[in-house]
Amino acid sequence: MYQKGPGIDHAPYLVQVYNTSDTITATGVVLAGRLATTVKKQFILAIPHGKDKVDCLALDWWRA
């Protein structure tokens, strides 16, 4: 979703899509989260279930 439109501003999200049969590793989540943070985007995991349903998990990266 763009505020003003593609080419004018950047998308605020980095979305990684997984199939239900894919393995989601902690390392993969950390790498994607670090990339999203570097480019100032929110990281979202998306897992489609059939044609009409997608489970999404939005993750924020923060320092302890």
N, C-alpha and C. Protein backbone atom coordinates (compact mmCIF):
# COMPACT_ATOMS: atom_id res chain seq x y z
N MET A 1 0.84 -1.16 0.00
CA MET A 1 0.00 0.00 0.00
C MET A 1 0.90 1.24 0.00
N TYR A 2 0.69 2.08 -0.97
CA TYR A 2 1.48 3.30 -1.09
C TYR A 2 0.67 4.50 -0.61
N GLN A 3 1.34 5.46 0.01
CA GLN A 3 0.68 6.70 0.43
C GLN A 3 0.30 7.54 -0.79
N LYS A 4 1.27 7.70 -1.72
CA LYS A 4 1.05 8.56 -2.89
C LYS A 4 1.03 7.80 -4.20
N GLY A 5 1.67 6.65 -4.27
CA GLY A 5 1.67 5.85 -5.50
C GLY A 5 3.04 5.27 -5.79
N PRO A 6 3.08 4.14 -6.53
CA PRO A 6 4.37 3.54 -6.88
C PRO A 6 5.21 4.51 -7.70
N GLY A 7 6.49 4.53 -7.40
CA GLY A 7 7.39 5.44 -8.11
C GLY A 7 7.49 6.80 -7.44
N ILE A 8 6.49 7.15 -6.62
CA ILE A 8 6.52 8.42 -5.91
C ILE A 8 7.06 8.20 -4.50
N ASP A 9 6.57 7.17 -3.84
CA ASP A 9 7.09 6.82 -2.52
C ASP A 9 7.31 5.30 -2.46
N HIS A 10 7.80 4.83 -1.35
CA HIS A 10 8.10 3.42 -1.18
C HIS A 10 7.01 2.73 -0.37
N ALA A 11 6.81 1.45 -0.63
CA ALA A 11 5.85 0.67 0.14
C ALA A 11 6.32 0.58 1.59
N PRO A 12 5.40 0.64 2.55
CA PRO A 12 5.79 0.59 3.96
C PRO A 12 5.99 -0.83 4.49
N TYR A 13 5.78 -1.85 3.67
CA TYR A 13 5.87 -3.23 4.13
C TYR A 13 6.83 -4.07 3.30
N LEU A 14 7.44 -5.03 3.95
CA LEU A 14 8.18 -6.09 3.27
C LEU A 14 7.40 -7.37 3.58
N VAL A 15 6.83 -8.01 2.57
CA VAL A 15 5.98 -9.18 2.76
C VAL A 15 6.70 -10.41 2.21
N GLN A 16 6.79 -11.43 3.05
CA GLN A 16 7.37 -12.71 2.64
C GLN A 16 6.26 -13.75 2.67
N VAL A 17 6.02 -14.40 1.53
CA VAL A 17 4.93 -15.37 1.41
C VAL A 17 5.48 -16.78 1.54
N TYR A 18 4.85 -17.57 2.40
CA TYR A 18 5.21 -18.96 2.60
C TYR A 18 4.03 -19.84 2.25
N ASN A 19 4.30 -21.02 1.71
CA ASN A 19 3.26 -22.04 1.54
C ASN A 19 3.06 -22.73 2.87
N THR A 20 1.92 -23.37 3.06
CA THR A 20 1.66 -24.07 4.31
C THR A 20 2.64 -25.21 4.54
N SER A 21 3.25 -25.72 3.48
CA SER A 21 4.21 -26.82 3.62
C SER A 21 5.64 -26.33 3.82
N ASP A 22 5.89 -25.02 3.71
CA ASP A 22 7.23 -24.48 3.89
C ASP A 22 7.65 -24.49 5.36
N THR A 23 8.94 -24.65 5.58
CA THR A 23 9.50 -24.53 6.92
C THR A 23 9.92 -23.08 7.13
N ILE A 24 9.45 -22.50 8.22
CA ILE A 24 9.83 -21.13 8.57
C ILE A 24 10.86 -21.25 9.69
N THR A 25 12.08 -20.83 9.39
CA THR A 25 13.16 -20.95 10.39
C THR A 25 13.34 -19.63 11.14
N ALA A 26 13.86 -19.74 12.34
CA ALA A 26 14.16 -18.54 13.13
C ALA A 26 15.18 -17.68 12.40
N THR A 27 16.16 -18.32 11.78
CA THR A 27 17.18 -17.57 11.04
C THR A 27 16.55 -16.80 9.89
N GLY A 28 15.63 -17.42 9.17
CA GLY A 28 14.96 -16.75 8.06
C GLY A 28 14.15 -15.55 8.52
N VAL A 29 13.48 -15.70 9.67
CA VAL A 29 12.68 -14.60 10.21
C VAL A 29 13.60 -13.45 10.65
N VAL A 30 14.70 -13.77 11.31
CA VAL A 30 15.64 -12.74 11.75
C VAL A 30 16.25 -12.01 10.56
N LEU A 31 16.65 -12.75 9.54
CA LEU A 31 17.25 -12.11 8.35
C LEU A 31 16.25 -11.18 7.67
N ALA A 32 15.03 -11.65 7.49
CA ALA A 32 14.01 -10.81 6.85
C ALA A 32 13.67 -9.61 7.73
N GLY A 33 13.61 -9.81 9.04
CA GLY A 33 13.33 -8.71 9.96
C GLY A 33 14.42 -7.65 9.93
N ARG A 34 15.66 -8.10 9.87
CA ARG A 34 16.78 -7.14 9.79
C ARG A 34 16.75 -6.36 8.48
N LEU A 35 16.43 -7.06 7.38
CA LEU A 35 16.33 -6.38 6.09
C LEU A 35 15.21 -5.35 6.13
N ALA A 36 14.05 -5.73 6.65
CA ALA A 36 12.92 -4.81 6.73
C ALA A 36 13.28 -3.57 7.55
N THR A 37 13.98 -3.78 8.65
CA THR A 37 14.38 -2.66 9.50
C THR A 37 15.36 -1.75 8.78
N THR A 38 16.29 -2.34 8.07
CA THR A 38 17.30 -1.56 7.33
C THR A 38 16.65 -0.64 6.30
N VAL A 39 15.60 -1.13 5.63
CA VAL A 39 14.93 -0.33 4.60
C VAL A 39 13.67 0.37 5.14
N LYS A 40 13.53 0.37 6.48
CA LYS A 40 12.47 1.10 7.18
C LYS A 40 11.06 0.64 6.77
N LYS A 41 10.87 -0.68 6.80
CA LYS A 41 9.57 -1.26 6.46
C LYS A 41 9.13 -2.19 7.58
N GLN A 42 7.85 -2.45 7.65
CA GLN A 42 7.35 -3.44 8.60
C GLN A 42 7.38 -4.80 7.91
N PHE A 43 7.84 -5.82 8.63
CA PHE A 43 7.96 -7.17 8.09
C PHE A 43 6.67 -7.94 8.33
N ILE A 44 6.13 -8.54 7.27
CA ILE A 44 4.90 -9.31 7.36
C ILE A 44 5.12 -10.69 6.75
N LEU A 45 4.77 -11.73 7.51
CA LEU A 45 4.74 -13.10 7.01
C LEU A 45 3.33 -13.36 6.50
N ALA A 46 3.20 -13.91 5.31
CA ALA A 46 1.88 -14.21 4.75
C ALA A 46 1.84 -15.68 4.34
N ILE A 47 0.78 -16.38 4.77
CA ILE A 47 0.62 -17.79 4.44
C ILE A 47 -0.78 -17.97 3.84
N PRO A 48 -0.86 -18.16 2.50
CA PRO A 48 -2.16 -18.34 1.88
C PRO A 48 -2.74 -19.73 2.17
N HIS A 49 -4.06 -19.77 2.33
CA HIS A 49 -4.80 -21.02 2.52
C HIS A 49 -5.90 -21.04 1.47
N GLY A 50 -5.64 -21.68 0.36
CA GLY A 50 -6.63 -21.69 -0.71
C GLY A 50 -6.66 -20.36 -1.44
N LYS A 51 -7.79 -20.09 -2.10
CA LYS A 51 -7.91 -18.88 -2.92
C LYS A 51 -8.34 -17.65 -2.14
N ASP A 52 -9.07 -17.85 -1.04
CA ASP A 52 -9.72 -16.71 -0.40
C ASP A 52 -9.22 -16.37 1.00
N LYS A 53 -8.22 -17.06 1.50
CA LYS A 53 -7.77 -16.79 2.87
C LYS A 53 -6.26 -16.69 2.93
N VAL A 54 -5.77 -15.67 3.62
CA VAL A 54 -4.34 -15.49 3.85
C VAL A 54 -4.15 -15.14 5.32
N ASP A 55 -3.34 -15.93 6.01
CA ASP A 55 -2.98 -15.59 7.39
C ASP A 55 -1.74 -14.69 7.33
N CYS A 56 -1.78 -13.59 8.07
CA CYS A 56 -0.67 -12.65 8.09
C CYS A 56 -0.19 -12.43 9.52
N LEU A 57 1.09 -12.29 9.66
CA LEU A 57 1.70 -12.00 10.95
C LEU A 57 2.66 -10.84 10.74
N ALA A 58 2.37 -9.71 11.36
CA ALA A 58 3.23 -8.53 11.24
C ALA A 58 4.20 -8.52 12.41
N LEU A 59 5.47 -8.37 12.10
CA LEU A 59 6.52 -8.38 13.12
C LEU A 59 7.25 -7.05 13.15
N ASP A 60 7.50 -6.58 14.34
CA ASP A 60 8.30 -5.36 14.51
C ASP A 60 9.65 -5.75 15.08
N TRP A 61 10.70 -5.12 14.62
CA TRP A 61 12.05 -5.37 15.08
C TRP A 61 12.42 -4.31 16.10
N TRP A 62 12.87 -4.72 17.25
CA TRP A 62 13.28 -3.76 18.28
C TRP A 62 14.49 -4.29 19.01
N ARG A 63 15.21 -3.39 19.62
CA ARG A 63 16.41 -3.76 20.36
C ARG A 63 16.08 -3.89 21.84
N ALA A 64 16.64 -4.92 22.45
CA ALA A 64 16.40 -5.14 23.89
C ALA A 64 17.32 -4.28 24.71
